[in-house]
Amino acid sequence: KLGKLKQERITNDTEELGIREVNSDESSEMSNYRNIAILGLDSRYDTYDNDYRTDCIMIASINKNTNDIQLYSIYRDTYVYMEMDNQIKFDKINHAYYNGIENTIKTINKNLDLNVTEYIISDFSALADLIDQIGGIEIKIDSEEIKYINDYIKDVSKVVGKRSSLIENTGLQKLNGIQAVAYCRIRYTSGMDYKRTERMRTVINKVIDKIKSLDITQMLELLDIILPNIRTNISTEEIKKMIPQALNFNFTKSFGWPYETEGIYLKGDFFGPAKTLESNVKKLHQEVYNQKNYNVPEEIKQISEQIIKETGVK
């Protein structure tokens, strides 16, 4: 089945991917964690070219010793350092994809001091197909969300090319693929984009829980649907090695990053700089990667200081 995956190669040069030498060392504390970027594009035409943005950015951080996984979103509007068209600039992190997947990974590593070399990428059409194949998921819809979800259902229906009923009531609802994707896209309730990323993580956790209950026949049918719609640089051989480990994966925590952020308008656009990048990176490494004595690298301190100068958020 793995032959159905869209696989591609990216550079193996850790420096080109923005990974500090200490984090690529097998004896380092970070070597105990496998960080995989899970990216969702706002592509609407089943393409993965660089005209689109990664409106969903998640890191699945796997503790190699315990098989525990922490899943965290990086808010799409986070104001970060990046290199675009051979120039240094500060912009929303989801814009890094304009220069391709390698630039997205490099931007994540440079600003969060991570060791990401692997990624999985898809668009929301694939997510809708996946949820339909597993028979939908149950989500609680509140009175604020129902105001917006039906407009998104109409929009997603046009893009995916399928019809879907609207949501008429609040409370626990069984959502089909289009409805679930529409739920993920809601961003104008209280909490704005921060709440939207929480919805995305909720949907992924619901999907994972349901997949665990499938029998082998159902699982094989599911793979036929989802694998052709996923692009990754994780090799077939490496995926095979992960299968026995995956049976024991345990999702322990889900959250959004930066922990503290503030929405501002700058140059006529909305951004969400961290309060501050330095302190948020330090907390991430202490809490997720168990680096109690973690020292923020000088480069990130300098980036953090520049963000404060440009945004006034501190």
Protein backbone atom coordinates (compact mmCIF):
# COMPACT_ATOMS: atom_id res chain seq x y z
CA LYS A 1 0.00 0.00 0.00
CA LEU A 2 2.87 2.39 0.74
CA GLY A 3 3.60 2.62 -2.98
CA LYS A 4 0.53 4.84 -3.23
CA LEU A 5 2.23 7.60 -1.20
CA LYS A 6 3.58 10.66 -2.97
CA GLN A 7 7.16 10.57 -1.77
CA GLU A 8 9.86 13.11 -2.44
CA ARG A 9 13.33 13.95 -1.31
CA ILE A 10 14.51 17.14 0.32
CA THR A 11 17.99 18.06 1.45
CA ASN A 12 19.67 15.95 4.13
CA ASP A 13 21.93 18.85 5.06
CA THR A 14 20.92 19.78 8.60
CA GLU A 15 22.47 23.24 8.28
CA GLU A 16 20.33 23.96 5.21
CA LEU A 17 17.30 22.91 7.26
CA GLY A 18 18.20 25.40 10.00
CA ILE A 19 19.19 22.79 12.59
CA ARG A 20 21.87 23.76 15.08
CA GLU A 21 24.83 21.38 15.20
CA VAL A 22 24.13 20.47 18.83
CA ASN A 23 20.56 19.40 17.94
CA SER A 24 21.72 17.11 15.12
CA ASP A 25 24.18 15.29 17.40
CA GLU A 26 23.02 11.78 18.31
CA SER A 27 24.19 12.30 21.88
CA SER A 28 22.18 15.49 22.40
CA GLU A 29 19.02 15.74 24.50
CA MET A 30 17.01 16.49 21.36
CA SER A 31 18.06 13.16 19.84
CA ASN A 32 15.54 11.49 22.18
CA TYR A 33 12.73 13.13 20.21
CA ARG A 34 11.55 12.62 16.66
CA ASN A 35 9.81 15.79 15.50
CA ILE A 36 7.63 15.45 12.42
CA ALA A 37 5.99 18.48 10.81
CA ILE A 38 2.34 17.90 9.88
CA LEU A 39 1.31 20.55 7.38
CA GLY A 40 -2.09 21.38 5.92
CA LEU A 41 -2.24 23.59 2.84
CA ASP A 42 -4.96 26.03 1.90
CA SER A 43 -4.67 24.57 -1.62
CA ARG A 44 -8.07 24.18 -3.23
CA TYR A 45 -7.15 22.46 -6.46
CA ASP A 46 -5.39 19.23 -5.35
CA THR A 47 -1.98 20.74 -5.98
CA TYR A 48 0.91 21.27 -3.61
CA ASP A 49 2.77 24.05 -5.38
CA ASN A 50 4.30 27.06 -3.70
CA ASP A 51 1.42 29.43 -4.41
CA TYR A 52 -0.27 28.23 -1.24
CA ARG A 53 0.31 28.66 2.48
CA THR A 54 0.56 26.19 5.31
CA ASP A 55 -2.50 27.31 7.24
CA CYS A 56 -2.18 24.27 9.50
CA ILE A 57 1.25 23.75 11.05
CA MET A 58 1.62 21.05 13.69
CA ILE A 59 4.57 19.27 15.23
CA ALA A 60 4.17 15.66 16.33
CA SER A 61 6.93 15.24 18.90
CA ILE A 62 7.60 11.55 19.56
CA ASN A 63 9.53 10.56 22.66
CA LYS A 64 11.62 7.65 21.34
CA ASN A 65 12.04 6.15 24.82
CA THR A 66 8.39 6.16 25.92
CA ASN A 67 6.44 6.35 22.60
CA ASP A 68 4.52 9.29 24.07
CA ILE A 69 3.51 11.92 21.51
CA GLN A 70 2.82 15.58 22.15
CA LEU A 71 1.00 17.33 19.32
CA TYR A 72 1.25 21.08 19.16
CA SER A 73 0.10 23.68 16.65
CA ILE A 74 2.21 26.63 15.61
CA TYR A 75 -0.18 29.51 15.06
CA ARG A 76 -0.19 30.50 11.40
CA ASP A 77 0.13 34.25 12.11
CA THR A 78 3.19 33.87 14.36
CA TYR A 79 5.68 36.63 13.49
CA VAL A 80 9.07 35.00 12.85
CA TYR A 81 12.42 35.28 11.12
CA MET A 82 12.70 33.68 7.69
CA GLU A 83 14.67 33.81 4.46
CA MET A 84 12.56 34.53 1.38
CA ASP A 85 13.90 34.92 -2.16
CA ASN A 86 17.44 35.12 -0.75
CA GLN A 87 16.50 37.96 1.57
CA ILE A 88 16.05 38.02 5.33
CA LYS A 89 12.63 39.17 6.51
CA PHE A 90 10.11 38.87 9.32
CA ASP A 91 6.65 37.61 8.41
CA LYS A 92 3.87 35.17 9.27
CA ILE A 93 5.23 31.66 9.60
CA ASN A 94 2.69 30.26 7.13
CA HIS A 95 4.20 32.45 4.39
CA ALA A 96 7.49 30.52 4.53
CA TYR A 97 5.94 27.93 2.18
CA TYR A 98 6.02 30.47 -0.64
CA ASN A 99 9.67 29.36 -0.95
CA GLY A 100 8.81 25.68 -0.60
CA ILE A 101 8.70 22.92 1.98
CA GLU A 102 12.41 23.11 2.84
CA ASN A 103 12.01 26.77 3.72
CA THR A 104 9.03 25.99 5.94
CA ILE A 105 11.03 23.38 7.85
CA LYS A 106 14.04 25.70 8.06
CA THR A 107 11.87 28.50 9.43
CA ILE A 108 10.40 26.20 12.10
CA ASN A 109 13.83 24.96 13.17
CA LYS A 110 15.41 28.41 13.20
CA ASN A 111 12.73 30.01 15.35
CA LEU A 112 11.88 27.12 17.70
CA ASP A 113 15.38 25.54 17.91
CA LEU A 114 14.13 22.16 16.70
CA ASN A 115 15.53 19.24 14.72
CA VAL A 116 12.71 18.68 12.19
CA THR A 117 13.82 16.82 9.05
CA GLU A 118 10.59 14.96 8.23
CA TYR A 119 7.16 16.13 7.19
CA ILE A 120 3.71 15.00 6.12
CA ILE A 121 1.63 17.37 3.99
CA SER A 122 -1.90 17.32 2.64
CA ASP A 123 -4.81 19.64 1.87
CA PHE A 124 -8.32 19.77 3.27
CA SER A 125 -9.86 17.71 0.44
CA ALA A 126 -7.85 14.71 1.63
CA LEU A 127 -9.00 15.24 5.22
CA ALA A 128 -12.64 15.28 4.11
CA ASP A 129 -12.20 11.97 2.24
CA LEU A 130 -10.50 10.41 5.25
CA ILE A 131 -13.28 11.35 7.66
CA ASP A 132 -15.97 10.11 5.28
CA GLN A 133 -14.15 6.78 4.95
CA ILE A 134 -14.18 6.21 8.73
CA GLY A 135 -17.87 7.08 8.96
CA GLY A 136 -17.58 10.58 10.40
CA ILE A 137 -16.62 11.86 13.85
CA GLU A 138 -18.59 13.23 16.78
CA ILE A 139 -17.94 16.87 17.69
CA LYS A 140 -19.75 19.18 20.09
CA ILE A 141 -20.88 22.36 18.27
CA ASP A 142 -21.59 25.43 20.39
CA SER A 143 -23.88 28.38 19.67
CA GLU A 144 -20.99 30.58 18.54
CA GLU A 145 -19.64 28.01 16.07
CA ILE A 146 -22.97 27.21 14.43
CA LYS A 147 -23.14 30.82 13.21
CA TYR A 148 -20.15 30.20 10.96
CA ILE A 149 -19.90 26.49 10.22
CA ASN A 150 -22.64 26.39 7.58
CA ASP A 151 -20.97 29.08 5.46
CA TYR A 152 -17.76 27.04 5.56
CA ILE A 153 -19.69 23.87 4.67
CA LYS A 154 -20.95 25.57 1.50
CA ASP A 155 -17.42 26.72 0.62
CA VAL A 156 -15.77 23.35 1.26
CA SER A 157 -18.51 21.59 -0.72
CA LYS A 158 -17.70 23.68 -3.79
CA VAL A 159 -13.98 22.95 -3.49
CA VAL A 160 -14.29 19.22 -2.83
CA GLY A 161 -17.05 18.75 -5.38
CA LYS A 162 -19.43 17.01 -2.98
CA ARG A 163 -22.71 18.08 -1.44
CA SER A 164 -23.26 18.13 2.29
CA SER A 165 -26.14 18.93 4.58
CA LEU A 166 -25.89 21.89 6.94
CA ILE A 167 -25.74 21.77 10.73
CA GLU A 168 -29.09 22.68 12.26
CA ASN A 169 -28.51 22.18 15.99
CA THR A 170 -25.90 22.78 18.64
CA GLY A 171 -24.58 20.06 20.93
CA LEU A 172 -22.93 16.76 20.04
CA GLN A 173 -23.14 16.18 16.28
CA LYS A 174 -21.85 13.44 13.99
CA LEU A 175 -19.95 15.31 11.27
CA ASN A 176 -19.14 14.02 7.81
CA GLY A 177 -15.88 14.93 6.08
CA ILE A 178 -17.00 18.27 4.64
CA GLN A 179 -18.66 19.30 7.91
CA ALA A 180 -15.56 18.36 9.93
CA VAL A 181 -13.26 20.33 7.62
CA ALA A 182 -15.63 23.29 7.86
CA TYR A 183 -15.43 23.01 11.65
CA CYS A 184 -11.62 23.13 11.43
CA ARG A 185 -11.76 26.33 9.39
CA ILE A 186 -13.88 28.40 11.80
CA ARG A 187 -11.74 31.32 13.01
CA TYR A 188 -14.05 34.25 13.79
CA THR A 189 -15.40 33.10 17.15
CA SER A 190 -13.81 34.14 20.44
CA GLY A 191 -10.27 32.83 20.45
CA MET A 192 -9.94 33.54 16.71
CA ASP A 193 -7.11 31.54 15.08
CA TYR A 194 -5.96 30.18 18.46
CA LYS A 195 -9.31 28.45 18.87
CA ARG A 196 -9.20 27.28 15.25
CA THR A 197 -5.94 25.39 15.81
CA GLU A 198 -7.53 23.79 18.88
CA ARG A 199 -10.38 22.59 16.66
CA MET A 200 -7.86 21.12 14.22
CA ARG A 201 -6.15 19.17 17.00
CA THR A 202 -9.51 17.97 18.32
CA VAL A 203 -10.46 16.63 14.88
CA ILE A 204 -7.11 14.86 14.44
CA ASN A 205 -7.38 13.21 17.85
CA LYS A 206 -10.95 12.10 17.09
CA VAL A 207 -9.80 10.65 13.77
CA ILE A 208 -6.90 8.78 15.39
CA ASP A 209 -9.18 7.32 18.07
CA LYS A 210 -11.60 6.06 15.44
CA ILE A 211 -8.89 4.61 13.21
CA LYS A 212 -7.64 2.54 16.16
CA SER A 213 -11.00 0.72 16.23
CA LEU A 214 -10.92 -0.36 12.55
CA ASP A 215 -10.36 -3.97 11.53
CA ILE A 216 -7.69 -4.89 8.98
CA THR A 217 -10.08 -4.85 6.00
CA GLN A 218 -11.35 -1.39 6.91
CA MET A 219 -7.78 -0.21 7.46
CA LEU A 220 -6.68 -1.36 4.00
CA GLU A 221 -9.66 0.36 2.39
CA LEU A 222 -8.78 3.52 4.30
CA LEU A 223 -5.17 3.44 3.06
CA ASP A 224 -6.39 3.27 -0.54
CA ILE A 225 -8.23 6.55 0.04
CA ILE A 226 -5.71 8.58 2.03
CA LEU A 227 -2.24 7.53 0.84
CA PRO A 228 -2.49 9.00 -2.69
CA ASN A 229 -3.41 12.35 -1.11
CA ILE A 230 -0.40 12.57 1.21
CA ARG A 231 3.07 13.82 0.38
CA THR A 232 6.04 13.00 2.61
CA ASN A 233 9.79 12.60 2.64
CA ILE A 234 9.62 9.70 5.11
CA SER A 235 10.79 6.66 3.17
CA THR A 236 8.77 3.48 2.76
CA GLU A 237 11.46 1.57 4.63
CA GLU A 238 11.33 4.01 7.54
CA ILE A 239 7.53 3.83 7.71
CA LYS A 240 7.74 0.03 7.89
CA LYS A 241 10.14 0.34 10.83
CA MET A 242 7.71 2.67 12.60
CA ILE A 243 4.68 0.36 12.35
CA PRO A 244 5.46 -1.82 15.42
CA GLN A 245 6.27 1.32 17.40
CA ALA A 246 3.10 3.04 16.21
CA LEU A 247 0.95 0.35 17.83
CA ASN A 248 2.13 1.69 21.18
CA PHE A 249 1.97 5.42 20.46
CA ASN A 250 0.26 7.37 23.21
CA PHE A 251 -0.95 10.93 22.60
CA THR A 252 -0.35 12.66 25.92
CA LYS A 253 -0.78 16.37 25.28
CA SER A 254 -2.13 18.79 22.70
CA PHE A 255 -1.65 22.55 22.77
CA GLY A 256 -0.98 25.68 20.74
CA TRP A 257 2.30 27.57 20.46
CA PRO A 258 3.42 30.26 21.25
CA TYR A 259 2.07 29.86 24.78
CA GLU A 260 1.76 33.64 25.11
CA THR A 261 1.08 35.79 22.08
CA GLU A 262 -0.59 39.07 21.18
CA GLY A 263 -2.47 39.96 18.03
CA ILE A 264 -1.45 43.22 16.36
CA TYR A 265 -1.88 45.02 13.07
CA LEU A 266 1.37 45.89 11.34
CA LYS A 267 1.79 47.27 7.82
CA GLY A 268 -1.94 46.80 7.27
CA ASP A 269 -1.93 43.09 8.14
CA PHE A 270 -2.63 40.96 11.22
CA PHE A 271 0.24 39.22 13.03
CA GLY A 272 0.60 37.23 16.24
CA PRO A 273 4.09 37.75 17.70
CA ALA A 274 5.11 35.73 20.74
CA LYS A 275 5.44 37.42 24.12
CA THR A 276 8.45 36.90 23.74
CA LEU A 277 9.98 34.45 21.28
CA GLU A 278 12.85 33.84 23.70
CA SER A 279 10.64 32.99 26.69
CA ASN A 280 8.23 30.87 24.62
CA VAL A 281 11.06 28.83 23.09
CA LYS A 282 12.57 28.28 26.54
CA LYS A 283 9.26 27.05 27.96
CA LEU A 284 8.75 24.74 24.96
CA HIS A 285 12.10 23.04 25.49
CA GLN A 286 11.61 22.75 29.23
CA GLU A 287 8.09 21.32 29.07
CA VAL A 288 8.04 19.24 25.87
CA TYR A 289 11.67 18.20 25.58
CA ASN A 290 12.43 17.91 29.29
CA GLN A 291 15.45 20.24 29.00
CA LYS A 292 15.23 21.73 32.48
CA ASN A 293 18.54 23.57 32.12
CA TYR A 294 17.88 24.73 28.55
CA ASN A 295 19.70 27.87 27.45
CA VAL A 296 18.14 29.82 24.60
CA PRO A 297 20.73 30.14 21.78
CA GLU A 298 22.08 33.59 21.04
CA GLU A 299 20.60 33.61 17.53
CA ILE A 300 17.06 33.18 18.87
CA LYS A 301 17.68 35.87 21.48
CA GLN A 302 18.64 38.24 18.66
CA ILE A 303 15.56 37.27 16.63
CA SER A 304 13.41 37.82 19.71
CA GLU A 305 14.88 41.29 20.27
CA GLN A 306 14.25 42.25 16.64
CA ILE A 307 10.62 41.09 16.86
CA ILE A 308 10.16 43.29 19.94
CA LYS A 309 11.63 46.28 18.05
CA GLU A 310 9.38 45.75 15.05
CA THR A 311 6.13 44.93 16.86
CA GLY A 312 6.41 46.50 20.30
CA VAL A 313 5.16 43.20 21.81
CA LYS A 314 7.22 42.09 24.78
